[in-house]
């Protein structure tokens, strides 16, 4: 019986689904949450503040907003807004297609009050695709950091 258990247990470990990776980045901004939320803007507002986005085109698929991001230097991302809460100043979206080394990607960006200013938190979970877990986390972390830096500079 033990001889059968070890190979079966080994097979179950390798057949288990990959665990989601997580990345969370935050930035403190010397502006009110309302000002920061206005800077982030609507779902296609990212085209105004993210330094790697050349342009954003908004469309609707069913009842959900969809954005197509043309990236500087080439490449296109298609993302779908899953939820938006103006009162809590947050939205959640998924990536439908694009060049990033991730799949099953879901992310939330939110603004909260912190001291005399605000805190912006951008977090996501996903699986690596065509890259190591570490590389996928590094790429997504870089996307978040560049965006947060730009929001901090623009929100006044």
N, C-alpha and C. Protein backbone atom coordinates (compact mmCIF):
# COMPACT_ATOMS: atom_id res chain seq x y z
N UNK A 1 0.82 -1.19 0.00
CA UNK A 1 0.00 0.00 0.00
C UNK A 1 0.87 1.26 0.00
N UNK A 2 1.93 1.31 0.82
CA UNK A 2 2.82 2.46 0.87
C UNK A 2 3.49 2.68 -0.47
N UNK A 3 3.82 1.58 -1.18
CA UNK A 3 4.45 1.72 -2.49
C UNK A 3 3.55 2.45 -3.47
N UNK A 4 2.26 2.30 -3.36
CA UNK A 4 1.31 2.98 -4.23
C UNK A 4 1.08 4.42 -3.78
N UNK A 5 1.12 4.69 -2.48
CA UNK A 5 0.84 6.01 -1.94
C UNK A 5 1.87 7.05 -2.40
N UNK A 6 3.15 6.74 -2.37
CA UNK A 6 4.20 7.71 -2.70
C UNK A 6 4.07 8.21 -4.13
N UNK A 7 3.94 7.33 -5.15
CA UNK A 7 3.79 7.87 -6.51
C UNK A 7 2.49 8.67 -6.69
N UNK A 8 1.41 8.23 -6.08
CA UNK A 8 0.14 8.95 -6.21
C UNK A 8 0.26 10.32 -5.53
N UNK A 9 0.84 10.38 -4.35
CA UNK A 9 1.02 11.65 -3.65
C UNK A 9 1.91 12.59 -4.46
N UNK A 10 2.95 12.07 -5.06
CA UNK A 10 3.84 12.88 -5.88
C UNK A 10 3.10 13.44 -7.08
N UNK A 11 2.29 12.64 -7.72
CA UNK A 11 1.51 13.07 -8.86
C UNK A 11 0.52 14.16 -8.46
N UNK A 12 -0.09 14.05 -7.30
CA UNK A 12 -1.05 15.05 -6.84
C UNK A 12 -0.36 16.39 -6.60
N UNK A 13 0.85 16.38 -6.10
CA UNK A 13 1.58 17.62 -5.86
C UNK A 13 1.85 18.33 -7.19
N UNK A 14 2.30 17.59 -8.20
CA UNK A 14 2.60 18.20 -9.49
C UNK A 14 1.35 18.60 -10.26
N UNK A 15 0.23 17.97 -9.98
CA UNK A 15 -1.02 18.28 -10.68
C UNK A 15 -1.80 19.40 -10.00
N UNK A 16 -1.36 19.82 -8.82
CA UNK A 16 -2.07 20.87 -8.09
C UNK A 16 -2.01 22.18 -8.87
N UNK A 17 -3.06 22.97 -8.84
CA UNK A 17 -3.06 24.23 -9.57
C UNK A 17 -2.02 25.19 -8.98
N UNK A 18 -1.45 26.01 -9.86
CA UNK A 18 -0.46 26.98 -9.40
C UNK A 18 -1.13 28.01 -8.51
N UNK A 19 -0.46 28.37 -7.45
CA UNK A 19 -1.00 29.37 -6.55
C UNK A 19 -0.82 30.75 -7.17
N UNK A 20 -1.76 31.62 -6.91
CA UNK A 20 -1.69 32.97 -7.45
C UNK A 20 -0.54 33.74 -6.80
N UNK A 21 0.11 34.53 -7.60
CA UNK A 21 1.15 35.43 -7.12
C UNK A 21 0.47 36.74 -6.75
N UNK A 22 1.08 37.49 -5.87
CA UNK A 22 0.51 38.77 -5.46
C UNK A 22 1.58 39.85 -5.49
N UNK A 23 1.16 41.04 -5.87
CA UNK A 23 2.01 42.22 -5.81
C UNK A 23 1.15 43.36 -5.28
N UNK A 24 1.68 44.09 -4.30
CA UNK A 24 1.01 45.28 -3.78
C UNK A 24 2.05 46.39 -3.65
N UNK A 25 1.73 47.54 -4.19
CA UNK A 25 2.59 48.72 -4.08
C UNK A 25 1.72 49.86 -3.56
N UNK A 26 2.32 50.72 -2.76
CA UNK A 26 1.59 51.87 -2.22
C UNK A 26 2.42 53.13 -2.40
N UNK A 27 1.71 54.25 -2.37
CA UNK A 27 2.36 55.55 -2.46
C UNK A 27 1.59 56.53 -1.61
N UNK A 28 2.31 57.35 -0.86
CA UNK A 28 1.69 58.42 -0.08
C UNK A 28 1.71 59.67 -0.94
N UNK A 29 0.57 60.35 -1.01
CA UNK A 29 0.43 61.52 -1.86
C UNK A 29 0.01 62.71 -1.01
N UNK A 30 0.67 63.84 -1.21
CA UNK A 30 0.36 65.05 -0.44
C UNK A 30 -0.80 65.80 -1.07
N UNK A 31 -1.93 65.12 -1.18
CA UNK A 31 -3.16 65.73 -1.71
C UNK A 31 -4.33 64.97 -1.10
N UNK A 32 -5.50 65.60 -1.11
CA UNK A 32 -6.68 64.96 -0.53
C UNK A 32 -7.06 63.72 -1.33
N UNK A 33 -7.73 62.75 -0.71
CA UNK A 33 -8.19 61.58 -1.45
C UNK A 33 -9.05 61.94 -2.66
N UNK A 34 -9.89 62.96 -2.52
CA UNK A 34 -10.75 63.38 -3.63
C UNK A 34 -9.92 63.88 -4.81
N UNK A 35 -8.86 64.63 -4.52
CA UNK A 35 -7.98 65.14 -5.58
C UNK A 35 -7.25 63.99 -6.27
N UNK A 36 -6.78 63.04 -5.48
CA UNK A 36 -6.06 61.89 -6.05
C UNK A 36 -7.01 61.04 -6.89
N UNK A 37 -8.22 60.80 -6.40
CA UNK A 37 -9.20 60.01 -7.14
C UNK A 37 -9.55 60.69 -8.45
N UNK A 38 -9.67 62.02 -8.42
CA UNK A 38 -9.94 62.77 -9.64
C UNK A 38 -8.77 62.64 -10.62
N UNK A 39 -7.55 62.62 -10.12
CA UNK A 39 -6.37 62.45 -10.97
C UNK A 39 -6.39 61.07 -11.63
N UNK A 40 -6.74 60.04 -10.88
CA UNK A 40 -6.82 58.68 -11.43
C UNK A 40 -7.91 58.64 -12.50
N UNK A 41 -9.02 59.29 -12.23
CA UNK A 41 -10.08 59.44 -13.22
C UNK A 41 -10.87 58.18 -13.49
N UNK A 42 -11.58 58.20 -14.61
CA UNK A 42 -12.39 57.07 -15.02
C UNK A 42 -11.53 55.89 -15.46
N UNK A 43 -12.18 54.87 -15.93
CA UNK A 43 -11.45 53.65 -16.28
C UNK A 43 -10.39 53.90 -17.36
N UNK A 44 -10.63 54.85 -18.25
CA UNK A 44 -9.65 55.16 -19.29
C UNK A 44 -8.73 56.31 -18.87
N UNK A 45 -8.87 56.80 -17.65
CA UNK A 45 -8.02 57.87 -17.14
C UNK A 45 -6.55 57.48 -17.10
N UNK A 46 -6.26 56.20 -17.05
CA UNK A 46 -4.88 55.72 -17.02
C UNK A 46 -4.07 56.24 -18.20
N UNK A 47 -4.76 56.53 -19.30
CA UNK A 47 -4.08 57.07 -20.48
C UNK A 47 -3.51 58.46 -20.24
N UNK A 48 -4.02 59.15 -19.23
CA UNK A 48 -3.54 60.50 -18.90
C UNK A 48 -2.37 60.49 -17.92
N UNK A 49 -2.26 59.45 -17.09
CA UNK A 49 -1.24 59.51 -16.04
C UNK A 49 -0.21 58.39 -16.05
N UNK A 50 -0.46 57.27 -16.71
CA UNK A 50 0.56 56.22 -16.68
C UNK A 50 1.59 56.46 -17.77
N UNK A 51 2.88 56.51 -17.40
CA UNK A 51 3.91 56.89 -18.37
C UNK A 51 4.13 55.90 -19.52
N UNK A 52 3.69 54.67 -19.42
CA UNK A 52 3.90 53.73 -20.54
C UNK A 52 2.69 53.64 -21.47
N UNK A 53 1.60 54.33 -21.13
CA UNK A 53 0.39 54.27 -21.96
C UNK A 53 0.40 55.43 -22.95
N UNK A 54 0.39 55.08 -24.22
CA UNK A 54 0.32 56.07 -25.30
C UNK A 54 -1.10 56.62 -25.43
N UNK A 55 -2.07 55.70 -25.46
CA UNK A 55 -3.47 56.13 -25.53
C UNK A 55 -4.38 55.04 -24.99
N UNK A 56 -5.58 55.45 -24.62
CA UNK A 56 -6.58 54.53 -24.10
C UNK A 56 -7.86 54.73 -24.88
N UNK A 57 -8.43 53.63 -25.37
CA UNK A 57 -9.71 53.66 -26.06
C UNK A 57 -10.72 52.88 -25.24
N UNK A 58 -11.84 53.53 -24.92
CA UNK A 58 -12.86 52.91 -24.08
C UNK A 58 -13.98 52.35 -24.95
N UNK A 59 -14.42 51.15 -24.58
CA UNK A 59 -15.56 50.53 -25.25
C UNK A 59 -16.35 49.78 -24.19
N UNK A 60 -17.39 49.10 -24.61
CA UNK A 60 -18.18 48.34 -23.65
C UNK A 60 -18.46 46.96 -24.23
N UNK A 61 -18.26 45.96 -23.39
CA UNK A 61 -18.52 44.58 -23.78
C UNK A 61 -19.60 44.08 -22.82
N UNK A 62 -20.80 43.88 -23.34
CA UNK A 62 -21.90 43.55 -22.45
C UNK A 62 -22.20 44.76 -21.60
N UNK A 63 -22.16 44.61 -20.31
CA UNK A 63 -22.42 45.74 -19.42
C UNK A 63 -21.15 46.25 -18.74
N UNK A 64 -19.99 45.73 -19.16
CA UNK A 64 -18.74 46.10 -18.50
C UNK A 64 -17.86 46.97 -19.40
N UNK A 65 -17.29 48.04 -18.84
CA UNK A 65 -16.37 48.86 -19.61
C UNK A 65 -15.10 48.06 -19.94
N UNK A 66 -14.59 48.28 -21.14
CA UNK A 66 -13.37 47.64 -21.59
C UNK A 66 -12.45 48.74 -22.11
N UNK A 67 -11.16 48.65 -21.78
CA UNK A 67 -10.23 49.64 -22.30
C UNK A 67 -9.13 48.93 -23.09
N UNK A 68 -8.74 49.57 -24.18
CA UNK A 68 -7.63 49.08 -24.98
C UNK A 68 -6.51 50.09 -24.83
N UNK A 69 -5.42 49.64 -24.24
CA UNK A 69 -4.27 50.50 -23.98
C UNK A 69 -3.21 50.27 -25.04
N UNK A 70 -2.86 51.31 -25.75
CA UNK A 70 -1.74 51.26 -26.68
C UNK A 70 -0.52 51.71 -25.90
N UNK A 71 0.50 50.87 -25.87
CA UNK A 71 1.68 51.14 -25.05
C UNK A 71 2.76 51.85 -25.86
N UNK A 72 3.48 52.74 -25.21
CA UNK A 72 4.60 53.42 -25.86
C UNK A 72 5.64 52.36 -26.21
N UNK A 73 6.15 52.40 -27.40
CA UNK A 73 7.13 51.41 -27.82
C UNK A 73 6.49 50.16 -28.41
N UNK A 74 5.17 50.12 -28.46
CA UNK A 74 4.47 48.99 -29.07
C UNK A 74 3.79 48.10 -28.05
N UNK A 75 2.81 47.39 -28.51
CA UNK A 75 2.05 46.48 -27.65
C UNK A 75 0.69 47.06 -27.29
N UNK A 76 -0.25 46.16 -27.06
CA UNK A 76 -1.61 46.55 -26.72
C UNK A 76 -2.12 45.67 -25.59
N UNK A 77 -2.75 46.29 -24.62
CA UNK A 77 -3.40 45.58 -23.51
C UNK A 77 -4.90 45.81 -23.61
N UNK A 78 -5.67 44.77 -23.39
CA UNK A 78 -7.12 44.91 -23.31
C UNK A 78 -7.53 44.50 -21.90
N UNK A 79 -8.23 45.41 -21.22
CA UNK A 79 -8.61 45.19 -19.83
C UNK A 79 -10.10 45.46 -19.65
N UNK A 80 -10.69 44.76 -18.69
CA UNK A 80 -12.12 44.90 -18.43
C UNK A 80 -12.33 45.31 -16.98
N UNK A 81 -13.14 46.34 -16.78
CA UNK A 81 -13.46 46.77 -15.42
C UNK A 81 -14.47 45.80 -14.82
N UNK A 82 -14.14 45.28 -13.64
CA UNK A 82 -15.01 44.32 -12.96
C UNK A 82 -15.91 44.99 -11.93
N UNK A 83 -15.38 46.02 -11.27
CA UNK A 83 -16.15 46.71 -10.24
C UNK A 83 -15.56 48.11 -10.06
N UNK A 84 -16.44 49.03 -9.70
CA UNK A 84 -16.01 50.40 -9.42
C UNK A 84 -16.87 50.93 -8.27
N UNK A 85 -16.21 51.56 -7.30
CA UNK A 85 -16.91 52.11 -6.15
C UNK A 85 -16.42 53.54 -5.94
N UNK A 86 -17.22 54.49 -6.41
CA UNK A 86 -16.84 55.90 -6.29
C UNK A 86 -16.73 56.32 -4.83
N UNK A 87 -17.62 55.82 -3.98
CA UNK A 87 -17.62 56.20 -2.56
C UNK A 87 -16.34 55.76 -1.85
N UNK A 88 -15.89 54.54 -2.13
CA UNK A 88 -14.66 54.07 -1.48
C UNK A 88 -13.42 54.33 -2.35
N UNK A 89 -13.62 54.99 -3.48
CA UNK A 89 -12.53 55.39 -4.38
C UNK A 89 -11.65 54.20 -4.77
N UNK A 90 -12.27 53.22 -5.44
CA UNK A 90 -11.53 52.05 -5.91
C UNK A 90 -12.16 51.48 -7.16
N UNK A 91 -11.34 50.81 -7.95
CA UNK A 91 -11.88 49.99 -9.03
C UNK A 91 -11.02 48.75 -9.22
N UNK A 92 -11.66 47.71 -9.73
CA UNK A 92 -11.01 46.42 -9.96
C UNK A 92 -11.17 46.07 -11.43
N UNK A 93 -10.11 45.51 -12.01
CA UNK A 93 -10.13 45.16 -13.42
C UNK A 93 -9.35 43.87 -13.66
N UNK A 94 -9.57 43.29 -14.84
CA UNK A 94 -8.83 42.11 -15.26
C UNK A 94 -8.17 42.39 -16.61
N UNK A 95 -7.10 41.66 -16.90
CA UNK A 95 -6.48 41.74 -18.22
C UNK A 95 -7.07 40.63 -19.07
N UNK A 96 -7.58 41.02 -20.23
CA UNK A 96 -8.12 40.04 -21.17
C UNK A 96 -7.06 39.55 -22.14
N UNK A 97 -6.17 40.46 -22.57
CA UNK A 97 -5.07 40.08 -23.46
C UNK A 97 -3.99 41.15 -23.40
N UNK A 98 -2.78 40.75 -23.75
CA UNK A 98 -1.68 41.70 -23.77
C UNK A 98 -0.33 41.03 -23.65
N UNK A 99 0.74 41.84 -23.72
CA UNK A 99 2.10 41.31 -23.74
C UNK A 99 2.71 41.01 -22.36
N UNK A 100 2.01 41.31 -21.29
CA UNK A 100 2.59 41.09 -19.96
C UNK A 100 2.68 39.59 -19.66
N UNK A 101 3.69 39.18 -18.91
CA UNK A 101 3.91 37.75 -18.64
C UNK A 101 3.01 37.20 -17.53
N UNK A 102 1.69 37.45 -17.66
CA UNK A 102 0.74 37.03 -16.63
C UNK A 102 -0.53 36.48 -17.27
N UNK A 103 -1.26 35.69 -16.48
CA UNK A 103 -2.60 35.24 -16.85
C UNK A 103 -3.43 35.19 -15.58
N UNK A 104 -4.74 35.10 -15.73
CA UNK A 104 -5.66 35.12 -14.58
C UNK A 104 -5.37 36.32 -13.68
N UNK A 105 -5.16 37.46 -14.31
CA UNK A 105 -4.78 38.70 -13.63
C UNK A 105 -6.01 39.47 -13.17
N UNK A 106 -6.00 39.88 -11.92
CA UNK A 106 -7.06 40.72 -11.36
C UNK A 106 -6.39 41.74 -10.45
N UNK A 107 -6.77 43.00 -10.61
CA UNK A 107 -6.09 44.07 -9.89
C UNK A 107 -7.07 45.11 -9.37
N UNK A 108 -6.69 45.76 -8.28
CA UNK A 108 -7.49 46.83 -7.70
C UNK A 108 -6.59 48.02 -7.40
N UNK A 109 -7.07 49.20 -7.74
CA UNK A 109 -6.40 50.44 -7.35
C UNK A 109 -7.37 51.20 -6.46
N UNK A 110 -6.86 51.70 -5.33
CA UNK A 110 -7.75 52.39 -4.39
C UNK A 110 -7.03 53.54 -3.70
N UNK A 111 -7.82 54.51 -3.27
CA UNK A 111 -7.31 55.69 -2.58
C UNK A 111 -7.96 55.76 -1.20
N UNK A 112 -7.12 55.98 -0.19
CA UNK A 112 -7.61 56.15 1.18
C UNK A 112 -6.94 57.37 1.81
N UNK A 113 -7.57 57.89 2.84
CA UNK A 113 -7.00 59.02 3.57
C UNK A 113 -5.85 58.53 4.43
N UNK A 114 -4.79 59.31 4.44
CA UNK A 114 -3.66 59.02 5.33
C UNK A 114 -3.08 60.33 5.81
N UNK A 115 -3.23 60.59 7.10
CA UNK A 115 -2.75 61.85 7.67
C UNK A 115 -3.41 63.03 6.98
N UNK A 116 -2.59 63.98 6.53
CA UNK A 116 -3.10 65.15 5.81
C UNK A 116 -3.24 64.90 4.31
N UNK A 117 -2.86 63.73 3.88
CA UNK A 117 -2.90 63.42 2.45
C UNK A 117 -3.64 62.13 2.16
N UNK A 118 -3.06 61.36 1.26
CA UNK A 118 -3.70 60.13 0.78
C UNK A 118 -2.69 59.02 0.63
N UNK A 119 -3.23 57.83 0.57
CA UNK A 119 -2.44 56.66 0.26
C UNK A 119 -3.11 55.98 -0.93
N UNK A 120 -2.33 55.69 -1.96
CA UNK A 120 -2.83 54.95 -3.11
C UNK A 120 -2.25 53.55 -3.02
N UNK A 121 -3.11 52.56 -3.10
CA UNK A 121 -2.69 51.16 -3.07
C UNK A 121 -3.10 50.52 -4.38
N UNK A 122 -2.13 49.88 -5.04
CA UNK A 122 -2.39 49.17 -6.29
C UNK A 122 -1.94 47.74 -6.05
N UNK A 123 -2.87 46.81 -6.12
CA UNK A 123 -2.53 45.42 -5.84
C UNK A 123 -3.13 44.52 -6.90
N UNK A 124 -2.48 43.39 -7.09
CA UNK A 124 -2.99 42.44 -8.07
C UNK A 124 -2.58 41.03 -7.73
N UNK A 125 -3.36 40.09 -8.23
CA UNK A 125 -2.96 38.69 -8.14
C UNK A 125 -3.09 38.07 -9.53
N UNK A 126 -2.26 37.10 -9.81
CA UNK A 126 -2.12 36.56 -11.15
C UNK A 126 -1.25 35.31 -11.11
N UNK A 127 -1.13 34.67 -12.25
CA UNK A 127 -0.20 33.57 -12.43
C UNK A 127 0.82 34.00 -13.48
N UNK A 128 2.04 33.53 -13.34
CA UNK A 128 3.08 33.83 -14.33
C UNK A 128 2.76 33.07 -15.61
N UNK A 129 3.07 33.71 -16.74
CA UNK A 129 2.84 33.09 -18.05
C UNK A 129 4.07 33.37 -18.91
N UNK A 130 4.80 32.32 -19.25
CA UNK A 130 5.97 32.47 -20.10
C UNK A 130 7.15 33.13 -19.42
N UNK A 131 7.13 33.19 -18.10
CA UNK A 131 8.21 33.79 -17.31
C UNK A 131 8.21 33.14 -15.94
N UNK A 132 9.29 33.34 -15.21
CA UNK A 132 9.33 32.84 -13.84
C UNK A 132 8.39 33.65 -12.98
N UNK A 133 8.01 33.11 -11.84
CA UNK A 133 7.17 33.84 -10.90
C UNK A 133 7.82 35.17 -10.53
N UNK A 134 9.13 35.13 -10.26
CA UNK A 134 9.85 36.33 -9.84
C UNK A 134 9.84 37.39 -10.93
N UNK A 135 10.03 36.98 -12.20
CA UNK A 135 10.03 37.93 -13.31
C UNK A 135 8.64 38.55 -13.49
N UNK A 136 7.60 37.73 -13.40
CA UNK A 136 6.23 38.26 -13.53
C UNK A 136 5.95 39.27 -12.42
N UNK A 137 6.35 38.96 -11.20
CA UNK A 137 6.15 39.89 -10.08
C UNK A 137 6.96 41.18 -10.29
N UNK A 138 8.16 41.06 -10.82
CA UNK A 138 9.00 42.22 -11.08
C UNK A 138 8.35 43.13 -12.13
N UNK A 139 7.83 42.55 -13.20
CA UNK A 139 7.19 43.33 -14.26
C UNK A 139 5.97 44.06 -13.74
N UNK A 140 5.09 43.34 -13.05
CA UNK A 140 3.87 43.97 -12.52
C UNK A 140 4.23 45.03 -11.47
N UNK A 141 5.18 44.73 -10.61
CA UNK A 141 5.64 45.72 -9.62
C UNK A 141 6.15 46.98 -10.30
N UNK A 142 6.87 46.84 -11.40
CA UNK A 142 7.37 48.00 -12.15
C UNK A 142 6.25 48.82 -12.75
N UNK A 143 5.23 48.15 -13.27
CA UNK A 143 4.05 48.84 -13.82
C UNK A 143 3.39 49.67 -12.72
N UNK A 144 3.18 49.05 -11.57
CA UNK A 144 2.53 49.74 -10.45
C UNK A 144 3.37 50.93 -9.97
N UNK A 145 4.67 50.72 -9.78
CA UNK A 145 5.53 51.78 -9.27
C UNK A 145 5.57 52.99 -10.20
N UNK A 146 5.67 52.73 -11.51
CA UNK A 146 5.70 53.83 -12.48
C UNK A 146 4.38 54.61 -12.43
N UNK A 147 3.27 53.91 -12.35
CA UNK A 147 1.97 54.57 -12.29
C UNK A 147 1.79 55.37 -11.02
N UNK A 148 2.17 54.78 -9.89
CA UNK A 148 2.02 55.48 -8.61
C UNK A 148 2.88 56.73 -8.54
N UNK A 149 4.08 56.64 -9.08
CA UNK A 149 4.97 57.82 -9.10
C UNK A 149 4.32 58.94 -9.90
N UNK A 150 3.75 58.60 -11.04
CA UNK A 150 3.12 59.61 -11.88
C UNK A 150 1.88 60.22 -11.20
N UNK A 151 1.08 59.37 -10.55
CA UNK A 151 -0.10 59.89 -9.82
C UNK A 151 0.36 60.88 -8.75
N UNK A 152 1.41 60.52 -8.00
CA UNK A 152 1.93 61.38 -6.95
C UNK A 152 2.38 62.73 -7.50
N UNK A 153 3.00 62.72 -8.67
CA UNK A 153 3.49 63.96 -9.28
C UNK A 153 2.35 64.81 -9.82
N UNK A 154 1.28 64.21 -10.29
CA UNK A 154 0.18 64.94 -10.94
C UNK A 154 -0.90 65.40 -9.98
N UNK A 155 -1.10 64.71 -8.88
CA UNK A 155 -2.19 65.03 -7.95
C UNK A 155 -1.80 66.23 -7.09
N UNK A 156 -2.40 67.36 -7.36
CA UNK A 156 -2.06 68.58 -6.61
C UNK A 156 -3.31 69.35 -6.31
